[in-house]
Amino acid sequence: MRDELPHSIAVVIDDIAARPSTGSGTAPEITDIHASIVVERDSQKGIIIGHKGSRLRDVGARARAQIEPLVGTQVFLKLHVRIAKEWQRDPKQLGRLGF
């Protein structure tokens, strides 16, 4: 996201869970992470997603590569881009986003 990065962007981790083992014992553990990327306007959502989702896929791949050494397992990362209008000026939204 080096080219155009909206100033009003936040990332919220919605859920982290270890995926139940299949019982074979040979399959590596997987950690499921669901995250929301929050922007203020629809135009910013398009910037984050990119053409046919290319930028969001790139962000996801880079994030997974950095997260996996931290958690010690393979990671399934589900990213969702959502709009929260004027979240930077709304105390309730700031609280929901963890600020």
C-alpha atoms as a PDB file:
ATOM      1  CA  MET A   1       0.000   0.000   0.000  1.00  0.00           C
ATOM      2  CA  ARG A   2       2.921   2.284  -0.641  1.00  0.00           C
ATOM      3  CA  ASP A   3       1.266   4.284  -3.416  1.00  0.00           C
ATOM      4  CA  GLU A   4      -1.947   5.559  -1.871  1.00  0.00           C
ATOM      5  CA  LEU A   5      -2.692   4.976   1.770  1.00  0.00           C
ATOM      6  CA  PRO A   6      -5.770   6.584   3.312  1.00  0.00           C
ATOM      7  CA  HIS A   7      -4.983   8.488   6.496  1.00  0.00           C
ATOM      8  CA  SER A   8      -8.147   7.242   8.186  1.00  0.00           C
ATOM      9  CA  ILE A   9      -7.468   3.513   8.398  1.00  0.00           C
ATOM     10  CA  ALA A  10      -7.660   1.143  11.366  1.00  0.00           C
ATOM     11  CA  VAL A  11      -7.284  -2.613  11.718  1.00  0.00           C
ATOM     12  CA  VAL A  12      -9.379  -4.533  14.220  1.00  0.00           C
ATOM     13  CA  ILE A  13      -8.830  -8.200  15.034  1.00  0.00           C
ATOM     14  CA  ASP A  14     -12.328  -9.690  15.150  1.00  0.00           C
ATOM     15  CA  ASP A  15     -11.404 -13.269  16.077  1.00  0.00           C
ATOM     16  CA  ILE A  16      -8.388 -15.501  16.624  1.00  0.00           C
ATOM     17  CA  ALA A  17      -8.884 -19.220  17.018  1.00  0.00           C
ATOM     18  CA  ALA A  18      -6.827 -22.379  16.649  1.00  0.00           C
ATOM     19  CA  ARG A  19      -8.363 -24.624  14.039  1.00  0.00           C
ATOM     20  CA  PRO A  20      -9.351 -28.007  15.452  1.00  0.00           C
ATOM     21  CA  SER A  21      -6.930 -30.744  14.513  1.00  0.00           C
ATOM     22  CA  THR A  22      -8.103 -33.323  11.975  1.00  0.00           C
ATOM     23  CA  GLY A  23      -6.747 -36.065  14.200  1.00  0.00           C
ATOM     24  CA  SER A  24      -4.084 -37.309  11.775  1.00  0.00           C
ATOM     25  CA  GLY A  25      -1.306 -35.801  13.868  1.00  0.00           C
ATOM     26  CA  THR A  26       0.773 -34.970  10.800  1.00  0.00           C
ATOM     27  CA  ALA A  27      -1.124 -31.886   9.692  1.00  0.00           C
ATOM     28  CA  PRO A  28       0.396 -28.624  10.921  1.00  0.00           C
ATOM     29  CA  GLU A  29      -1.662 -26.496  13.268  1.00  0.00           C
ATOM     30  CA  ILE A  30      -3.457 -23.554  11.713  1.00  0.00           C
ATOM     31  CA  THR A  31      -4.527 -20.369  13.435  1.00  0.00           C
ATOM     32  CA  ASP A  32      -7.566 -18.631  11.957  1.00  0.00           C
ATOM     33  CA  ILE A  33      -7.451 -14.838  12.199  1.00  0.00           C
ATOM     34  CA  HIS A  34     -10.356 -12.672  11.088  1.00  0.00           C
ATOM     35  CA  ALA A  35      -9.572  -8.962  10.822  1.00  0.00           C
ATOM     36  CA  SER A  36     -11.430  -5.872   9.664  1.00  0.00           C
ATOM     37  CA  ILE A  37      -9.748  -3.000   7.907  1.00  0.00           C
ATOM     38  CA  VAL A  38     -11.839   0.063   8.725  1.00  0.00           C
ATOM     39  CA  VAL A  39     -11.956   3.156   6.524  1.00  0.00           C
ATOM     40  CA  GLU A  40     -14.159   6.249   6.537  1.00  0.00           C
ATOM     41  CA  ARG A  41     -15.283   6.451   2.905  1.00  0.00           C
ATOM     42  CA  ASP A  42     -16.269   4.151   0.061  1.00  0.00           C
ATOM     43  CA  SER A  43     -13.492   5.602  -2.121  1.00  0.00           C
ATOM     44  CA  GLN A  44     -10.941   4.536   0.502  1.00  0.00           C
ATOM     45  CA  LYS A  45     -12.359   1.022   0.467  1.00  0.00           C
ATOM     46  CA  GLY A  46     -11.594   0.814  -3.248  1.00  0.00           C
ATOM     47  CA  ILE A  47      -8.024   1.951  -2.649  1.00  0.00           C
ATOM     48  CA  ILE A  48      -7.478  -0.757  -0.021  1.00  0.00           C
ATOM     49  CA  ILE A  49      -9.034  -3.537  -2.116  1.00  0.00           C
ATOM     50  CA  GLY A  50      -7.331  -2.554  -5.376  1.00  0.00           C
ATOM     51  CA  HIS A  51      -8.126  -3.767  -8.878  1.00  0.00           C
ATOM     52  CA  LYS A  52      -9.968  -7.111  -8.570  1.00  0.00           C
ATOM     53  CA  GLY A  53      -8.712  -7.455  -4.985  1.00  0.00           C
ATOM     54  CA  SER A  54      -5.034  -7.449  -5.917  1.00  0.00           C
ATOM     55  CA  ARG A  55      -3.893  -4.988  -3.254  1.00  0.00           C
ATOM     56  CA  LEU A  56      -5.862  -6.710  -0.477  1.00  0.00           C
ATOM     57  CA  ARG A  57      -4.390 -10.095  -1.487  1.00  0.00           C
ATOM     58  CA  ASP A  58      -0.887  -8.595  -1.385  1.00  0.00           C
ATOM     59  CA  VAL A  59      -1.507  -7.065   2.046  1.00  0.00           C
ATOM     60  CA  GLY A  60      -2.851 -10.398   3.316  1.00  0.00           C
ATOM     61  CA  ALA A  61       0.145 -12.345   2.025  1.00  0.00           C
ATOM     62  CA  ARG A  62       2.628  -9.912   3.569  1.00  0.00           C
ATOM     63  CA  ALA A  63       0.754  -9.867   6.868  1.00  0.00           C
ATOM     64  CA  ARG A  64       0.615 -13.685   7.027  1.00  0.00           C
ATOM     65  CA  ALA A  65       4.369 -13.876   6.475  1.00  0.00           C
ATOM     66  CA  GLN A  66       4.928 -11.567   9.442  1.00  0.00           C
ATOM     67  CA  ILE A  67       2.281 -13.133  11.719  1.00  0.00           C
ATOM     68  CA  GLU A  68       3.256 -16.809  11.321  1.00  0.00           C
ATOM     69  CA  PRO A  69       6.610 -16.500  13.148  1.00  0.00           C
ATOM     70  CA  LEU A  70       4.838 -14.650  15.969  1.00  0.00           C
ATOM     71  CA  VAL A  71       2.163 -17.301  16.554  1.00  0.00           C
ATOM     72  CA  GLY A  72       4.304 -20.324  15.646  1.00  0.00           C
ATOM     73  CA  THR A  73       1.734 -21.889  13.293  1.00  0.00           C
ATOM     74  CA  GLN A  74       0.451 -21.468   9.795  1.00  0.00           C
ATOM     75  CA  VAL A  75      -2.133 -18.688   9.588  1.00  0.00           C
ATOM     76  CA  PHE A  76      -5.404 -18.421   7.690  1.00  0.00           C
ATOM     77  CA  LEU A  77      -5.975 -14.669   7.512  1.00  0.00           C
ATOM     78  CA  LYS A  78      -9.412 -13.420   6.479  1.00  0.00           C
ATOM     79  CA  LEU A  79      -9.453  -9.679   5.788  1.00  0.00           C
ATOM     80  CA  HIS A  80     -12.668  -7.700   5.481  1.00  0.00           C
ATOM     81  CA  VAL A  81     -12.753  -4.023   4.512  1.00  0.00           C
ATOM     82  CA  ARG A  82     -15.608  -2.077   6.051  1.00  0.00           C
ATOM     83  CA  ILE A  83     -16.691   1.524   6.206  1.00  0.00           C
ATOM     84  CA  ALA A  84     -17.349   3.369   9.471  1.00  0.00           C
ATOM     85  CA  LYS A  85     -18.251   6.909   8.467  1.00  0.00           C
ATOM     86  CA  GLU A  86     -16.268   9.587  10.331  1.00  0.00           C
ATOM     87  CA  TRP A  87     -14.927   7.046  12.849  1.00  0.00           C
ATOM     88  CA  GLN A  88     -12.050   9.342  13.848  1.00  0.00           C
ATOM     89  CA  ARG A  89     -14.487  11.988  15.123  1.00  0.00           C
ATOM     90  CA  ASP A  90     -16.955   9.658  16.855  1.00  0.00           C
ATOM     91  CA  PRO A  91     -16.104   8.681  20.458  1.00  0.00           C
ATOM     92  CA  LYS A  92     -18.311   5.580  20.282  1.00  0.00           C
ATOM     93  CA  GLN A  93     -16.599   4.353  17.110  1.00  0.00           C
ATOM     94  CA  LEU A  94     -13.179   5.082  18.611  1.00  0.00           C
ATOM     95  CA  GLY A  95     -14.120   2.988  21.638  1.00  0.00           C
ATOM     96  CA  ARG A  96     -15.317   0.105  19.459  1.00  0.00           C
ATOM     97  CA  LEU A  97     -12.059   0.225  17.536  1.00  0.00           C
ATOM     98  CA  GLY A  98     -10.019   0.081  20.726  1.00  0.00           C
ATOM     99  CA  PHE A  99      -8.758   3.680  20.796  1.00  0.00           C
END
